[in-house]
N, C-alpha and C. Protein backbone atom coordinates (compact mmCIF):
# COMPACT_ATOMS: atom_id res chain seq x y z
N MET A 1 -20.43 7.47 5.96
CA MET A 1 -21.48 7.83 5.03
C MET A 1 -22.28 6.57 4.75
N ARG A 2 -23.58 6.67 4.78
CA ARG A 2 -24.44 5.52 4.50
C ARG A 2 -25.43 5.88 3.40
N ILE A 3 -25.53 4.98 2.44
CA ILE A 3 -26.50 5.12 1.36
C ILE A 3 -27.26 3.81 1.25
N VAL A 4 -28.57 3.90 1.08
CA VAL A 4 -29.42 2.72 0.94
C VAL A 4 -29.97 2.73 -0.48
N PRO A 5 -29.30 2.04 -1.42
CA PRO A 5 -29.67 2.13 -2.84
C PRO A 5 -31.11 1.74 -3.17
N TRP A 6 -31.70 0.79 -2.44
CA TRP A 6 -33.06 0.38 -2.77
C TRP A 6 -34.06 1.50 -2.53
N LEU A 7 -33.72 2.44 -1.64
CA LEU A 7 -34.64 3.53 -1.33
C LEU A 7 -34.95 4.36 -2.57
N TRP A 8 -33.95 4.56 -3.41
CA TRP A 8 -34.11 5.35 -4.64
C TRP A 8 -34.13 4.46 -5.88
N ASP A 9 -34.02 3.15 -5.68
CA ASP A 9 -33.95 2.18 -6.79
C ASP A 9 -32.82 2.56 -7.75
N LEU A 10 -31.68 2.95 -7.17
CA LEU A 10 -30.48 3.25 -7.94
C LEU A 10 -29.39 2.28 -7.50
N LEU A 11 -28.86 1.54 -8.44
CA LEU A 11 -27.81 0.57 -8.14
C LEU A 11 -26.57 1.27 -7.58
N PRO A 12 -25.77 0.60 -6.74
CA PRO A 12 -24.59 1.24 -6.15
C PRO A 12 -23.58 1.78 -7.17
N ASN A 13 -23.57 1.22 -8.37
CA ASN A 13 -22.63 1.70 -9.39
C ASN A 13 -23.22 2.82 -10.26
N ASP A 14 -24.35 3.36 -9.86
CA ASP A 14 -24.93 4.50 -10.58
C ASP A 14 -23.98 5.69 -10.42
N ARG A 15 -23.64 6.32 -11.51
CA ARG A 15 -22.64 7.40 -11.51
C ARG A 15 -23.06 8.60 -10.66
N ARG A 16 -24.33 8.71 -10.33
CA ARG A 16 -24.76 9.83 -9.47
C ARG A 16 -24.19 9.71 -8.06
N TYR A 17 -23.82 8.49 -7.66
CA TYR A 17 -23.20 8.29 -6.34
C TYR A 17 -21.70 8.60 -6.35
N TYR A 18 -21.07 8.61 -7.51
CA TYR A 18 -19.61 8.67 -7.57
C TYR A 18 -19.00 9.91 -6.90
N PRO A 19 -19.61 11.08 -6.97
CA PRO A 19 -19.05 12.21 -6.21
C PRO A 19 -19.04 11.95 -4.69
N VAL A 20 -20.03 11.23 -4.21
CA VAL A 20 -20.08 10.88 -2.78
C VAL A 20 -18.93 9.93 -2.44
N TYR A 21 -18.71 8.93 -3.30
CA TYR A 21 -17.61 7.99 -3.07
C TYR A 21 -16.27 8.72 -3.08
N ALA A 22 -16.09 9.61 -4.03
CA ALA A 22 -14.84 10.37 -4.11
C ALA A 22 -14.65 11.23 -2.86
N ALA A 23 -15.70 11.85 -2.37
CA ALA A 23 -15.62 12.66 -1.16
C ALA A 23 -15.27 11.79 0.05
N CYS A 24 -15.81 10.59 0.11
CA CYS A 24 -15.48 9.67 1.21
C CYS A 24 -13.99 9.32 1.20
N VAL A 25 -13.46 9.02 0.02
CA VAL A 25 -12.04 8.72 -0.11
C VAL A 25 -11.22 9.92 0.35
N GLU A 26 -11.56 11.09 -0.13
CA GLU A 26 -10.82 12.31 0.20
C GLU A 26 -10.84 12.59 1.71
N ALA A 27 -11.98 12.35 2.34
CA ALA A 27 -12.14 12.63 3.77
C ALA A 27 -11.70 11.46 4.66
N GLY A 28 -11.42 10.31 4.04
CA GLY A 28 -11.05 9.13 4.84
C GLY A 28 -12.21 8.56 5.62
N VAL A 29 -13.42 8.70 5.05
CA VAL A 29 -14.64 8.24 5.71
C VAL A 29 -15.12 6.95 5.04
N PRO A 30 -15.41 5.92 5.82
CA PRO A 30 -15.94 4.69 5.21
C PRO A 30 -17.32 4.91 4.61
N PHE A 31 -17.62 4.11 3.62
CA PHE A 31 -18.93 4.13 2.97
C PHE A 31 -19.67 2.86 3.39
N CYS A 32 -20.88 3.01 3.88
CA CYS A 32 -21.68 1.86 4.31
C CYS A 32 -22.93 1.79 3.45
N THR A 33 -23.28 0.58 3.05
CA THR A 33 -24.49 0.38 2.25
C THR A 33 -25.14 -0.94 2.62
N GLN A 34 -26.40 -1.05 2.30
CA GLN A 34 -27.14 -2.28 2.53
C GLN A 34 -26.83 -3.26 1.40
N ILE A 35 -26.54 -4.51 1.75
CA ILE A 35 -26.37 -5.56 0.75
C ILE A 35 -27.36 -6.67 1.06
N GLY A 36 -27.82 -7.34 0.02
CA GLY A 36 -28.80 -8.41 0.19
C GLY A 36 -30.21 -7.94 -0.11
N HIS A 37 -31.15 -8.80 0.20
CA HIS A 37 -32.56 -8.48 -0.10
C HIS A 37 -33.06 -7.37 0.81
N THR A 38 -34.14 -6.75 0.41
CA THR A 38 -34.72 -5.67 1.21
C THR A 38 -35.73 -6.22 2.19
N GLY A 39 -35.87 -5.53 3.32
CA GLY A 39 -36.92 -5.88 4.26
C GLY A 39 -38.26 -5.35 3.77
N PRO A 40 -38.32 -4.07 3.37
CA PRO A 40 -39.57 -3.54 2.82
C PRO A 40 -39.89 -4.18 1.46
N LEU A 41 -41.10 -4.05 1.04
CA LEU A 41 -41.51 -4.60 -0.25
C LEU A 41 -41.01 -3.70 -1.38
N ARG A 42 -39.71 -3.76 -1.61
CA ARG A 42 -39.04 -3.01 -2.67
C ARG A 42 -38.15 -3.99 -3.42
N ARG A 43 -37.66 -3.57 -4.60
CA ARG A 43 -36.75 -4.42 -5.38
C ARG A 43 -35.48 -4.71 -4.58
N SER A 44 -35.03 -5.95 -4.61
CA SER A 44 -33.80 -6.32 -3.92
C SER A 44 -32.56 -6.18 -4.79
N GLU A 45 -32.72 -6.07 -6.07
CA GLU A 45 -31.58 -6.02 -6.99
C GLU A 45 -30.52 -4.97 -6.62
N PRO A 46 -30.89 -3.77 -6.14
CA PRO A 46 -29.85 -2.81 -5.75
C PRO A 46 -28.93 -3.32 -4.63
N GLY A 47 -29.35 -4.34 -3.90
CA GLY A 47 -28.53 -4.91 -2.84
C GLY A 47 -27.67 -6.08 -3.27
N ARG A 48 -27.73 -6.41 -4.56
CA ARG A 48 -26.91 -7.52 -5.07
C ARG A 48 -25.45 -7.05 -5.18
N PRO A 49 -24.51 -7.77 -4.55
CA PRO A 49 -23.13 -7.30 -4.52
C PRO A 49 -22.39 -7.30 -5.86
N ILE A 50 -22.55 -8.37 -6.63
CA ILE A 50 -21.84 -8.49 -7.91
C ILE A 50 -22.88 -8.42 -9.02
N PRO A 51 -22.73 -7.51 -9.95
CA PRO A 51 -21.59 -6.68 -10.28
C PRO A 51 -21.61 -5.27 -9.69
N TYR A 52 -22.71 -4.85 -9.06
CA TYR A 52 -22.91 -3.44 -8.74
C TYR A 52 -21.90 -2.90 -7.72
N LEU A 53 -21.82 -3.52 -6.56
CA LEU A 53 -20.86 -3.06 -5.56
C LEU A 53 -19.43 -3.37 -5.98
N GLU A 54 -19.26 -4.46 -6.69
CA GLU A 54 -17.93 -4.79 -7.20
C GLU A 54 -17.41 -3.68 -8.12
N ASP A 55 -18.26 -3.13 -8.94
CA ASP A 55 -17.85 -2.01 -9.80
C ASP A 55 -17.33 -0.84 -8.97
N VAL A 56 -18.01 -0.54 -7.88
CA VAL A 56 -17.59 0.57 -7.00
C VAL A 56 -16.22 0.26 -6.40
N LEU A 57 -16.04 -0.97 -5.93
CA LEU A 57 -14.76 -1.36 -5.34
C LEU A 57 -13.63 -1.30 -6.36
N LEU A 58 -13.92 -1.63 -7.59
CA LEU A 58 -12.90 -1.54 -8.65
C LEU A 58 -12.60 -0.09 -9.01
N ASP A 59 -13.63 0.74 -9.07
CA ASP A 59 -13.44 2.14 -9.46
C ASP A 59 -12.86 3.01 -8.34
N PHE A 60 -13.02 2.57 -7.09
CA PHE A 60 -12.52 3.33 -5.95
C PHE A 60 -11.72 2.41 -5.02
N PRO A 61 -10.52 2.01 -5.42
CA PRO A 61 -9.74 1.05 -4.64
C PRO A 61 -9.33 1.56 -3.26
N GLU A 62 -9.40 2.87 -3.02
CA GLU A 62 -9.04 3.41 -1.71
C GLU A 62 -10.26 3.60 -0.80
N LEU A 63 -11.45 3.37 -1.33
CA LEU A 63 -12.68 3.55 -0.55
C LEU A 63 -12.89 2.34 0.36
N VAL A 64 -13.06 2.60 1.64
CA VAL A 64 -13.42 1.53 2.58
C VAL A 64 -14.93 1.36 2.49
N VAL A 65 -15.36 0.14 2.16
CA VAL A 65 -16.78 -0.15 1.97
C VAL A 65 -17.22 -1.17 3.01
N VAL A 66 -18.32 -0.85 3.68
CA VAL A 66 -18.91 -1.77 4.65
C VAL A 66 -20.28 -2.17 4.11
N GLY A 67 -20.46 -3.45 3.88
CA GLY A 67 -21.75 -3.97 3.43
C GLY A 67 -22.54 -4.46 4.62
N GLY A 68 -23.68 -3.85 4.84
CA GLY A 68 -24.52 -4.22 5.98
C GLY A 68 -25.54 -5.27 5.62
N TYR A 69 -25.87 -6.10 6.58
CA TYR A 69 -26.94 -7.11 6.49
C TYR A 69 -26.51 -8.39 5.79
N VAL A 70 -25.25 -8.67 5.69
CA VAL A 70 -24.68 -9.96 5.28
C VAL A 70 -24.85 -10.30 3.80
N GLY A 71 -25.80 -9.73 3.12
CA GLY A 71 -25.93 -9.96 1.68
C GLY A 71 -26.80 -11.13 1.28
N PHE A 72 -27.54 -11.71 2.21
CA PHE A 72 -28.42 -12.84 1.87
C PHE A 72 -29.44 -12.38 0.83
N PRO A 73 -29.70 -13.11 -0.22
CA PRO A 73 -29.34 -14.50 -0.52
C PRO A 73 -28.05 -14.66 -1.33
N TRP A 74 -27.29 -13.58 -1.49
CA TRP A 74 -26.09 -13.63 -2.32
C TRP A 74 -24.83 -13.77 -1.47
N VAL A 75 -24.86 -14.68 -0.51
CA VAL A 75 -23.77 -14.84 0.44
C VAL A 75 -22.47 -15.23 -0.27
N ASP A 76 -22.53 -16.08 -1.27
CA ASP A 76 -21.32 -16.46 -2.01
C ASP A 76 -20.68 -15.25 -2.68
N GLU A 77 -21.49 -14.34 -3.19
CA GLU A 77 -20.94 -13.12 -3.79
C GLU A 77 -20.26 -12.25 -2.73
N VAL A 78 -20.85 -12.17 -1.56
CA VAL A 78 -20.26 -11.39 -0.47
C VAL A 78 -18.92 -11.97 -0.06
N ILE A 79 -18.87 -13.28 0.10
CA ILE A 79 -17.62 -13.94 0.48
C ILE A 79 -16.55 -13.71 -0.59
N THR A 80 -16.95 -13.75 -1.84
CA THR A 80 -16.02 -13.48 -2.94
C THR A 80 -15.43 -12.08 -2.82
N LEU A 81 -16.27 -11.09 -2.52
CA LEU A 81 -15.79 -9.72 -2.39
C LEU A 81 -14.85 -9.56 -1.20
N VAL A 82 -15.13 -10.25 -0.10
CA VAL A 82 -14.24 -10.19 1.07
C VAL A 82 -12.86 -10.71 0.71
N HIS A 83 -12.82 -11.80 -0.05
CA HIS A 83 -11.54 -12.37 -0.48
C HIS A 83 -10.82 -11.46 -1.48
N LYS A 84 -11.57 -10.87 -2.36
CA LYS A 84 -10.98 -10.11 -3.47
C LYS A 84 -10.51 -8.71 -3.09
N PHE A 85 -11.24 -8.05 -2.18
CA PHE A 85 -10.97 -6.65 -1.88
C PHE A 85 -10.61 -6.46 -0.41
N PRO A 86 -9.38 -6.03 -0.12
CA PRO A 86 -8.99 -5.82 1.28
C PRO A 86 -9.71 -4.65 1.94
N ASN A 87 -10.38 -3.82 1.15
CA ASN A 87 -11.09 -2.65 1.68
C ASN A 87 -12.60 -2.89 1.81
N PHE A 88 -13.03 -4.16 1.71
CA PHE A 88 -14.44 -4.49 1.84
C PHE A 88 -14.68 -5.26 3.13
N TYR A 89 -15.64 -4.79 3.90
CA TYR A 89 -15.99 -5.39 5.19
C TYR A 89 -17.48 -5.71 5.21
N VAL A 90 -17.86 -6.64 6.08
CA VAL A 90 -19.26 -7.02 6.21
C VAL A 90 -19.71 -6.76 7.65
N ASP A 91 -20.81 -6.06 7.78
CA ASP A 91 -21.41 -5.78 9.09
C ASP A 91 -22.52 -6.80 9.32
N THR A 92 -22.42 -7.54 10.40
CA THR A 92 -23.41 -8.57 10.70
C THR A 92 -24.37 -8.16 11.81
N SER A 93 -24.35 -6.91 12.21
CA SER A 93 -25.11 -6.47 13.39
C SER A 93 -26.63 -6.59 13.24
N ALA A 94 -27.13 -6.71 12.04
CA ALA A 94 -28.58 -6.83 11.85
C ALA A 94 -29.08 -8.24 12.14
N TYR A 95 -28.16 -9.18 12.34
CA TYR A 95 -28.53 -10.57 12.56
C TYR A 95 -28.14 -11.02 13.96
N ALA A 96 -29.01 -11.76 14.63
CA ALA A 96 -28.60 -12.51 15.81
C ALA A 96 -27.69 -13.63 15.29
N LEU A 97 -26.68 -13.99 16.05
CA LEU A 97 -25.71 -14.99 15.57
C LEU A 97 -26.38 -16.28 15.10
N HIS A 98 -27.39 -16.73 15.79
CA HIS A 98 -28.05 -17.99 15.41
C HIS A 98 -28.87 -17.86 14.12
N ARG A 99 -29.07 -16.64 13.63
CA ARG A 99 -29.83 -16.44 12.39
C ARG A 99 -28.96 -16.15 11.17
N LEU A 100 -27.65 -16.09 11.36
CA LEU A 100 -26.76 -15.87 10.21
C LEU A 100 -26.89 -17.02 9.23
N PRO A 101 -26.81 -16.74 7.93
CA PRO A 101 -26.87 -17.83 6.95
C PRO A 101 -25.75 -18.85 7.20
N PRO A 102 -26.05 -20.13 7.13
CA PRO A 102 -25.05 -21.17 7.42
C PRO A 102 -23.77 -21.04 6.60
N ASP A 103 -23.87 -20.69 5.32
CA ASP A 103 -22.67 -20.53 4.50
C ASP A 103 -21.78 -19.41 5.03
N PHE A 104 -22.40 -18.34 5.51
CA PHE A 104 -21.63 -17.22 6.03
C PHE A 104 -20.98 -17.59 7.36
N THR A 105 -21.71 -18.30 8.21
CA THR A 105 -21.16 -18.76 9.49
C THR A 105 -19.97 -19.67 9.24
N HIS A 106 -20.10 -20.58 8.30
CA HIS A 106 -18.98 -21.48 7.95
C HIS A 106 -17.78 -20.67 7.48
N PHE A 107 -18.01 -19.68 6.65
CA PHE A 107 -16.93 -18.82 6.17
C PHE A 107 -16.22 -18.14 7.35
N MET A 108 -16.99 -17.58 8.27
CA MET A 108 -16.38 -16.88 9.41
C MET A 108 -15.56 -17.83 10.27
N LYS A 109 -16.02 -19.05 10.43
CA LYS A 109 -15.32 -20.02 11.29
C LYS A 109 -14.07 -20.60 10.64
N THR A 110 -14.03 -20.65 9.32
CA THR A 110 -12.94 -21.36 8.65
C THR A 110 -11.95 -20.47 7.94
N ASN A 111 -12.24 -19.19 7.84
CA ASN A 111 -11.35 -18.29 7.10
C ASN A 111 -10.51 -17.49 8.09
N GLY A 112 -9.21 -17.73 8.09
CA GLY A 112 -8.32 -17.06 9.01
C GLY A 112 -8.13 -15.59 8.74
N ARG A 113 -8.48 -15.12 7.54
CA ARG A 113 -8.27 -13.71 7.19
C ARG A 113 -9.59 -12.95 7.13
N THR A 114 -10.57 -13.39 7.86
CA THR A 114 -11.88 -12.76 7.82
C THR A 114 -11.80 -11.32 8.32
N ARG A 115 -12.43 -10.44 7.59
CA ARG A 115 -12.51 -9.04 7.97
C ARG A 115 -13.99 -8.69 8.16
N VAL A 116 -14.64 -9.42 9.01
CA VAL A 116 -16.07 -9.22 9.22
C VAL A 116 -16.24 -8.39 10.48
N SER A 117 -16.98 -7.30 10.42
CA SER A 117 -17.20 -6.47 11.61
C SER A 117 -18.45 -6.93 12.32
N ARG A 118 -18.45 -6.80 13.60
CA ARG A 118 -19.62 -7.20 14.40
C ARG A 118 -19.87 -6.14 15.44
């Protein structure tokens, strides 16, 4: 299941999404969302990982969450969520490897428990 919160300008922790999250848990389906700034000229705040996506991870500990687009400029928040939640993954497919943020590249190279999908 994929939801792009900036499209509706609804933060990921908006309660209107919660039935979708519960259905994903029940069906064993991962939830994917955009994290980081938006490409279109829209507000980027819905893509900020902490506190919005963190709330979802706390409220749905069985939900597998994939954050797409690395989370720039909030890379430190993304790395924090990877460390804190075993059910949180980062999809880097929107970036060519040479364009990944340096802090994120360093994290991937130095963290033995990285759960980053590519």
